[in-house]
Amino acid sequence: PGFGTGQKNTIVRLDSDYYVVSNGKPEKF
């Protein structure tokens, strides 16, 4: 507020990761 700069809102972006599940165990891919 002192400089009147920056973002007042929380910003949400969609992100994702791939995983491979083998024998019930996930590994990031």
PDB file of all heavy atoms in Angstrom:
ATOM      1  N   PRO A   1       0.811  -1.223   0.000  1.00  0.00           N
ATOM      2  CA  PRO A   1       0.000   0.000   0.000  1.00  0.00           C
ATOM      3  C   PRO A   1       0.842   1.270   0.000  1.00  0.00           C
ATOM      4  O   PRO A   1       0.405   2.322  -0.470  1.00  0.00           O
ATOM      5  CB  PRO A   1      -0.822  -0.121   1.291  1.00  0.00           C
ATOM      6  CG  PRO A   1      -0.044  -1.060   2.157  1.00  0.00           C
ATOM      7  CD  PRO A   1       0.627  -2.015   1.223  1.00  0.00           C
ATOM      8  N   GLY A   2       2.062   1.179   0.521  1.00  0.00           N
ATOM      9  CA  GLY A   2       2.922   2.363   0.550  1.00  0.00           C
ATOM     10  C   GLY A   2       3.306   2.841  -0.837  1.00  0.00           C
ATOM     11  O   GLY A   2       3.408   4.048  -1.077  1.00  0.00           O
ATOM     12  N   PHE A   3       3.501   1.907  -1.739  1.00  0.00           N
ATOM     13  CA  PHE A   3       3.889   2.248  -3.108  1.00  0.00           C
ATOM     14  C   PHE A   3       2.746   2.067  -4.108  1.00  0.00           C
ATOM     15  O   PHE A   3       2.858   2.460  -5.274  1.00  0.00           O
ATOM     16  CB  PHE A   3       5.076   1.384  -3.550  1.00  0.00           C
ATOM     17  CG  PHE A   3       6.345   1.667  -2.796  1.00  0.00           C
ATOM     18  CD1 PHE A   3       6.684   0.904  -1.693  1.00  0.00           C
ATOM     19  CD2 PHE A   3       7.171   2.709  -3.173  1.00  0.00           C
ATOM     20  CE1 PHE A   3       7.853   1.166  -0.987  1.00  0.00           C
ATOM     21  CE2 PHE A   3       8.344   2.979  -2.484  1.00  0.00           C
ATOM     22  CZ  PHE A   3       8.689   2.207  -1.366  1.00  0.00           C
ATOM     23  N   GLY A   4       1.659   1.448  -3.627  1.00  0.00           N
ATOM     24  CA  GLY A   4       0.527   1.209  -4.527  1.00  0.00           C
ATOM     25  C   GLY A   4       0.841   0.229  -5.628  1.00  0.00           C
ATOM     26  O   GLY A   4       0.291   0.313  -6.726  1.00  0.00           O
ATOM     27  N   THR A   5       1.717  -0.719  -5.332  1.00  0.00           N
ATOM     28  CA  THR A   5       2.116  -1.695  -6.342  1.00  0.00           C
ATOM     29  C   THR A   5       1.842  -3.112  -5.844  1.00  0.00           C
ATOM     30  O   THR A   5       1.676  -3.350  -4.651  1.00  0.00           O
ATOM     31  CB  THR A   5       3.617  -1.571  -6.662  1.00  0.00           C
ATOM     32  OG1 THR A   5       4.376  -1.783  -5.441  1.00  0.00           O
ATOM     33  CG2 THR A   5       3.949  -0.204  -7.216  1.00  0.00           C
ATOM     34  N   GLY A   6       1.832  -4.029  -6.773  1.00  0.00           N
ATOM     35  CA  GLY A   6       1.627  -5.428  -6.416  1.00  0.00           C
ATOM     36  C   GLY A   6       0.212  -5.882  -6.682  1.00  0.00           C
ATOM     37  O   GLY A   6      -0.640  -5.143  -7.186  1.00  0.00           O
ATOM     38  N   GLN A   7      -0.060  -7.100  -6.308  1.00  0.00           N
ATOM     39  CA  GLN A   7      -1.339  -7.748  -6.578  1.00  0.00           C
ATOM     40  C   GLN A   7      -2.129  -7.902  -5.274  1.00  0.00           C
ATOM     41  O   GLN A   7      -1.636  -8.433  -4.290  1.00  0.00           O
ATOM     42  CB  GLN A   7      -1.093  -9.131  -7.198  1.00  0.00           C
ATOM     43  CG  GLN A   7      -2.325  -9.953  -7.452  1.00  0.00           C
ATOM     44  CD  GLN A   7      -3.318  -9.285  -8.379  1.00  0.00           C
ATOM     45  OE1 GLN A   7      -4.420  -8.918  -7.959  1.00  0.00           O
ATOM     46  NE2 GLN A   7      -2.923  -9.101  -9.643  1.00  0.00           N
ATOM     47  N   LYS A   8      -3.385  -7.407  -5.297  1.00  0.00           N
ATOM     48  CA  LYS A   8      -4.235  -7.492  -4.111  1.00  0.00           C
ATOM     49  C   LYS A   8      -4.912  -8.848  -3.970  1.00  0.00           C
ATOM     50  O   LYS A   8      -5.313  -9.235  -2.880  1.00  0.00           O
ATOM     51  CB  LYS A   8      -5.305  -6.398  -4.155  1.00  0.00           C
ATOM     52  CG  LYS A   8      -4.773  -4.981  -4.038  1.00  0.00           C
ATOM     53  CD  LYS A   8      -5.918  -3.982  -4.032  1.00  0.00           C
ATOM     54  CE  LYS A   8      -5.411  -2.555  -3.875  1.00  0.00           C
ATOM     55  NZ  LYS A   8      -6.527  -1.574  -3.855  1.00  0.00           N
ATOM     56  N   ASN A   9      -5.062  -9.558  -5.082  1.00  0.00           N
ATOM     57  CA  ASN A   9      -5.799 -10.815  -5.079  1.00  0.00           C
ATOM     58  C   ASN A   9      -4.873 -12.020  -5.022  1.00  0.00           C
ATOM     59  O   ASN A   9      -3.705 -11.951  -5.426  1.00  0.00           O
ATOM     60  CB  ASN A   9      -6.660 -10.932  -6.334  1.00  0.00           C
ATOM     61  CG  ASN A   9      -7.704  -9.847  -6.420  1.00  0.00           C
ATOM     62  OD1 ASN A   9      -8.462  -9.640  -5.476  1.00  0.00           O
ATOM     63  ND2 ASN A   9      -7.735  -9.136  -7.541  1.00  0.00           N
ATOM     64  N   THR A  10      -5.412 -13.125  -4.522  1.00  0.00           N
ATOM     65  CA  THR A  10      -4.733 -14.408  -4.643  1.00  0.00           C
ATOM     66  C   THR A  10      -4.938 -14.914  -6.061  1.00  0.00           C
ATOM     67  O   THR A  10      -6.053 -14.906  -6.576  1.00  0.00           O
ATOM     68  CB  THR A  10      -5.300 -15.428  -3.640  1.00  0.00           C
ATOM     69  OG1 THR A  10      -5.050 -14.969  -2.308  1.00  0.00           O
ATOM     70  CG2 THR A  10      -4.666 -16.799  -3.824  1.00  0.00           C
ATOM     71  N   ILE A  11      -3.860 -15.336  -6.712  1.00  0.00           N
ATOM     72  CA  ILE A  11      -3.944 -15.796  -8.100  1.00  0.00           C
ATOM     73  C   ILE A  11      -3.784 -17.315  -8.147  1.00  0.00           C
ATOM     74  O   ILE A  11      -2.855 -17.872  -7.543  1.00  0.00           O
ATOM     75  CB  ILE A  11      -2.864 -15.137  -8.976  1.00  0.00           C
ATOM     76  CG1 ILE A  11      -3.047 -13.618  -8.964  1.00  0.00           C
ATOM     77  CG2 ILE A  11      -2.927 -15.666 -10.407  1.00  0.00           C
ATOM     78  CD1 ILE A  11      -1.964 -12.870  -9.715  1.00  0.00           C
ATOM     79  N   VAL A  12      -4.686 -17.971  -8.848  1.00  0.00           N
ATOM     80  CA  VAL A  12      -4.670 -19.422  -8.969  1.00  0.00           C
ATOM     81  C   VAL A  12      -4.403 -19.801 -10.411  1.00  0.00           C
ATOM     82  O   VAL A  12      -5.014 -19.258 -11.336  1.00  0.00           O
ATOM     83  CB  VAL A  12      -6.013 -20.042  -8.513  1.00  0.00           C
ATOM     84  CG1 VAL A  12      -5.991 -21.562  -8.684  1.00  0.00           C
ATOM     85  CG2 VAL A  12      -6.303 -19.680  -7.068  1.00  0.00           C
ATOM     86  N   ARG A  13      -3.462 -20.722 -10.599  1.00  0.00           N
ATOM     87  CA  ARG A  13      -3.192 -21.268 -11.921  1.00  0.00           C
ATOM     88  C   ARG A  13      -3.305 -22.788 -11.862  1.00  0.00           C
ATOM     89  O   ARG A  13      -2.925 -23.412 -10.871  1.00  0.00           O
ATOM     90  CB  ARG A  13      -1.789 -20.870 -12.396  1.00  0.00           C
ATOM     91  CG  ARG A  13      -1.628 -19.384 -12.657  1.00  0.00           C
ATOM     92  CD  ARG A  13      -2.355 -18.982 -13.932  1.00  0.00           C
ATOM     93  NE  ARG A  13      -2.219 -17.550 -14.221  1.00  0.00           N
ATOM     94  CZ  ARG A  13      -3.124 -16.622 -13.917  1.00  0.00           C
ATOM     95  NH1 ARG A  13      -4.246 -16.994 -13.307  1.00  0.00           N
ATOM     96  NH2 ARG A  13      -2.934 -15.359 -14.224  1.00  0.00           N
ATOM     97  N   LEU A  14      -3.833 -23.376 -12.921  1.00  0.00           N
ATOM     98  CA  LEU A  14      -3.973 -24.830 -12.979  1.00  0.00           C
ATOM     99  C   LEU A  14      -2.624 -25.457 -13.276  1.00  0.00           C
ATOM    100  O   LEU A  14      -1.929 -25.062 -14.216  1.00  0.00           O
ATOM    101  CB  LEU A  14      -4.989 -25.215 -14.052  1.00  0.00           C
ATOM    102  CG  LEU A  14      -5.305 -26.708 -14.184  1.00  0.00           C
ATOM    103  CD1 LEU A  14      -5.994 -27.215 -12.923  1.00  0.00           C
ATOM    104  CD2 LEU A  14      -6.184 -26.958 -15.407  1.00  0.00           C
ATOM    105  N   ASP A  15      -2.240 -26.433 -12.471  1.00  0.00           N
ATOM    106  CA  ASP A  15      -0.973 -27.130 -12.651  1.00  0.00           C
ATOM    107  C   ASP A  15      -1.256 -28.634 -12.675  1.00  0.00           C
ATOM    108  O   ASP A  15      -2.319 -29.091 -12.238  1.00  0.00           O
ATOM    109  CB  ASP A  15      -0.017 -26.784 -11.509  1.00  0.00           C
ATOM    110  CG  ASP A  15       1.442 -27.074 -11.859  1.00  0.00           C
ATOM    111  OD1 ASP A  15       1.711 -27.470 -13.006  1.00  0.00           O
ATOM    112  OD2 ASP A  15       2.294 -26.907 -10.970  1.00  0.00           O
ATOM    113  N   SER A  16      -0.309 -29.398 -13.173  1.00  0.00           N
ATOM    114  CA  SER A  16      -0.514 -30.850 -13.244  1.00  0.00           C
ATOM    115  C   SER A  16       0.817 -31.580 -13.288  1.00  0.00           C
ATOM    116  O   SER A  16       1.841 -31.006 -13.661  1.00  0.00           O
ATOM    117  CB  SER A  16      -1.354 -31.229 -14.472  1.00  0.00           C
ATOM    118  OG  SER A  16      -0.686 -30.853 -15.667  1.00  0.00           O
ATOM    119  N   ASP A  17       0.778 -32.840 -12.893  1.00  0.00           N
ATOM    120  CA  ASP A  17       1.939 -33.729 -12.958  1.00  0.00           C
ATOM    121  C   ASP A  17       1.478 -35.080 -13.479  1.00  0.00           C
ATOM    122  O   ASP A  17       0.354 -35.518 -13.199  1.00  0.00           O
ATOM    123  CB  ASP A  17       2.574 -33.935 -11.569  1.00  0.00           C
ATOM    124  CG  ASP A  17       3.202 -32.669 -11.019  1.00  0.00           C
ATOM    125  OD1 ASP A  17       4.029 -32.067 -11.727  1.00  0.00           O
ATOM    126  OD2 ASP A  17       2.861 -32.286  -9.877  1.00  0.00           O
ATOM    127  N   TYR A  18       2.355 -35.747 -14.226  1.00  0.00           N
ATOM    128  CA  TYR A  18       2.091 -37.120 -14.641  1.00  0.00           C
ATOM    129  C   TYR A  18       2.648 -38.084 -13.597  1.00  0.00           C
ATOM    130  O   TYR A  18       3.704 -37.849 -13.004  1.00  0.00           O
ATOM    131  CB  TYR A  18       2.760 -37.422 -15.985  1.00  0.00           C
ATOM    132  CG  TYR A  18       2.228 -36.649 -17.158  1.00  0.00           C
ATOM    133  CD1 TYR A  18       3.010 -35.686 -17.795  1.00  0.00           C
ATOM    134  CD2 TYR A  18       0.946 -36.890 -17.659  1.00  0.00           C
ATOM    135  CE1 TYR A  18       2.531 -34.984 -18.882  1.00  0.00           C
ATOM    136  CE2 TYR A  18       0.458 -36.184 -18.744  1.00  0.00           C
ATOM    137  CZ  TYR A  18       1.257 -35.237 -19.352  1.00  0.00           C
ATOM    138  OH  TYR A  18       0.781 -34.526 -20.437  1.00  0.00           O
ATOM    139  N   TYR A  19       1.922 -39.193 -13.405  1.00  0.00           N
ATOM    140  CA  TYR A  19       2.399 -40.289 -12.561  1.00  0.00           C
ATOM    141  C   TYR A  19       2.156 -41.595 -13.294  1.00  0.00           C
ATOM    142  O   TYR A  19       1.166 -41.739 -14.029  1.00  0.00           O
ATOM    143  CB  TYR A  19       1.659 -40.326 -11.217  1.00  0.00           C
ATOM    144  CG  TYR A  19       2.029 -39.210 -10.260  1.00  0.00           C
ATOM    145  CD1 TYR A  19       1.408 -37.973 -10.340  1.00  0.00           C
ATOM    146  CD2 TYR A  19       2.992 -39.408  -9.268  1.00  0.00           C
ATOM    147  CE1 TYR A  19       1.735 -36.949  -9.466  1.00  0.00           C
ATOM    148  CE2 TYR A  19       3.326 -38.389  -8.388  1.00  0.00           C
ATOM    149  CZ  TYR A  19       2.696 -37.168  -8.493  1.00  0.00           C
ATOM    150  OH  TYR A  19       3.027 -36.148  -7.618  1.00  0.00           O
ATOM    151  N   VAL A  20       3.053 -42.533 -13.090  1.00  0.00           N
ATOM    152  CA  VAL A  20       2.862 -43.893 -13.583  1.00  0.00           C
ATOM    153  C   VAL A  20       2.649 -44.785 -12.362  1.00  0.00           C
ATOM    154  O   VAL A  20       3.463 -44.788 -11.434  1.00  0.00           O
ATOM    155  CB  VAL A  20       4.077 -44.390 -14.395  1.00  0.00           C
ATOM    156  CG1 VAL A  20       3.901 -45.863 -14.767  1.00  0.00           C
ATOM    157  CG2 VAL A  20       4.244 -43.549 -15.651  1.00  0.00           C
ATOM    158  N   VAL A  21       1.534 -45.522 -12.367  1.00  0.00           N
ATOM    159  CA  VAL A  21       1.213 -46.416 -11.256  1.00  0.00           C
ATOM    160  C   VAL A  21       1.475 -47.849 -11.697  1.00  0.00           C
ATOM    161  O   VAL A  21       0.887 -48.334 -12.669  1.00  0.00           O
ATOM    162  CB  VAL A  21      -0.258 -46.259 -10.812  1.00  0.00           C
ATOM    163  CG1 VAL A  21      -0.543 -47.144  -9.597  1.00  0.00           C
ATOM    164  CG2 VAL A  21      -0.574 -44.795 -10.502  1.00  0.00           C
ATOM    165  N   SER A  22       2.390 -48.514 -10.994  1.00  0.00           N
ATOM    166  CA  SER A  22       2.738 -49.902 -11.291  1.00  0.00           C
ATOM    167  C   SER A  22       2.721 -50.694  -9.992  1.00  0.00           C
ATOM    168  O   SER A  22       3.331 -50.283  -9.006  1.00  0.00           O
ATOM    169  CB  SER A  22       4.127 -49.977 -11.932  1.00  0.00           C
ATOM    170  OG  SER A  22       4.511 -51.312 -12.160  1.00  0.00           O
ATOM    171  N   ASN A  23       1.974 -51.804  -9.986  1.00  0.00           N
ATOM    172  CA  ASN A  23       1.847 -52.620  -8.777  1.00  0.00           C
ATOM    173  C   ASN A  23       1.368 -51.797  -7.589  1.00  0.00           C
ATOM    174  O   ASN A  23       1.796 -52.000  -6.450  1.00  0.00           O
ATOM    175  CB  ASN A  23       3.176 -53.294  -8.440  1.00  0.00           C
ATOM    176  CG  ASN A  23       3.619 -54.284  -9.501  1.00  0.00           C
ATOM    177  OD1 ASN A  23       2.800 -55.006 -10.064  1.00  0.00           O
ATOM    178  ND2 ASN A  23       4.912 -54.308  -9.789  1.00  0.00           N
ATOM    179  N   GLY A  24       0.481 -50.851  -7.864  1.00  0.00           N
ATOM    180  CA  GLY A  24      -0.111 -50.044  -6.803  1.00  0.00           C
ATOM    181  C   GLY A  24       0.760 -48.916  -6.303  1.00  0.00           C
ATOM    182  O   GLY A  24       0.367 -48.181  -5.398  1.00  0.00           O
ATOM    183  N   LYS A  25       1.946 -48.724  -6.896  1.00  0.00           N
ATOM    184  CA  LYS A  25       2.868 -47.686  -6.436  1.00  0.00           C
ATOM    185  C   LYS A  25       3.013 -46.606  -7.503  1.00  0.00           C
ATOM    186  O   LYS A  25       3.342 -46.904  -8.656  1.00  0.00           O
ATOM    187  CB  LYS A  25       4.237 -48.291  -6.124  1.00  0.00           C
ATOM    188  CG  LYS A  25       4.224 -49.288  -4.974  1.00  0.00           C
ATOM    189  CD  LYS A  25       5.620 -49.839  -4.722  1.00  0.00           C
ATOM    190  CE  LYS A  25       5.621 -50.843  -3.570  1.00  0.00           C
ATOM    191  NZ  LYS A  25       6.984 -51.393  -3.327  1.00  0.00           N
ATOM    192  N   PRO A  26       2.788 -45.341  -7.115  1.00  0.00           N
ATOM    193  CA  PRO A  26       2.909 -44.252  -8.080  1.00  0.00           C
ATOM    194  C   PRO A  26       4.331 -43.689  -8.119  1.00  0.00           C
ATOM    195  O   PRO A  26       5.007 -43.581  -7.097  1.00  0.00           O
ATOM    196  CB  PRO A  26       1.943 -43.203  -7.534  1.00  0.00           C
ATOM    197  CG  PRO A  26       2.019 -43.398  -6.041  1.00  0.00           C
ATOM    198  CD  PRO A  26       2.240 -44.880  -5.822  1.00  0.00           C
ATOM    199  N   GLU A  27       4.776 -43.339  -9.308  1.00  0.00           N
ATOM    200  CA  GLU A  27       6.048 -42.648  -9.470  1.00  0.00           C
ATOM    201  C   GLU A  27       5.833 -41.458 -10.389  1.00  0.00           C
ATOM    202  O   GLU A  27       5.217 -41.588 -11.446  1.00  0.00           O
ATOM    203  CB  GLU A  27       7.116 -43.575 -10.061  1.00  0.00           C
ATOM    204  CG  GLU A  27       7.638 -44.615  -9.086  1.00  0.00           C
ATOM    205  CD  GLU A  27       8.876 -45.332  -9.603  1.00  0.00           C
ATOM    206  OE1 GLU A  27       9.492 -44.810 -10.556  1.00  0.00           O
ATOM    207  OE2 GLU A  27       9.218 -46.389  -9.059  1.00  0.00           O
ATOM    208  N   LYS A  28       6.341 -40.309  -9.962  1.00  0.00           N
ATOM    209  CA  LYS A  28       6.215 -39.111 -10.792  1.00  0.00           C
ATOM    210  C   LYS A  28       6.941 -39.346 -12.112  1.00  0.00           C
ATOM    211  O   LYS A  28       8.025 -39.946 -12.138  1.00  0.00           O
ATOM    212  CB  LYS A  28       6.803 -37.906 -10.063  1.00  0.00           C
ATOM    213  CG  LYS A  28       6.355 -36.573 -10.618  1.00  0.00           C
ATOM    214  CD  LYS A  28       6.781 -35.446  -9.686  1.00  0.00           C
ATOM    215  CE  LYS A  28       6.291 -34.105 -10.187  1.00  0.00           C
ATOM    216  NZ  LYS A  28       6.660 -33.008  -9.264  1.00  0.00           N
ATOM    217  N   PHE A  29       6.335 -38.874 -13.178  1.00  0.00           N
ATOM    218  CA  PHE A  29       6.834 -39.192 -14.517  1.00  0.00           C
ATOM    219  C   PHE A  29       7.066 -37.913 -15.304  1.00  0.00           C
ATOM    220  O   PHE A  29       6.139 -37.138 -15.549  1.00  0.00           O
ATOM    221  CB  PHE A  29       5.821 -40.082 -15.236  1.00  0.00           C
ATOM    222  CG  PHE A  29       6.221 -40.505 -16.619  1.00  0.00           C
ATOM    223  CD1 PHE A  29       7.167 -41.491 -16.818  1.00  0.00           C
ATOM    224  CD2 PHE A  29       5.641 -39.905 -17.730  1.00  0.00           C
ATOM    225  CE1 PHE A  29       7.533 -41.887 -18.100  1.00  0.00           C
ATOM    226  CE2 PHE A  29       5.994 -40.287 -19.017  1.00  0.00           C
ATOM    227  CZ  PHE A  29       6.953 -41.281 -19.197  1.00  0.00           C
TER     228      PHE A  29
END
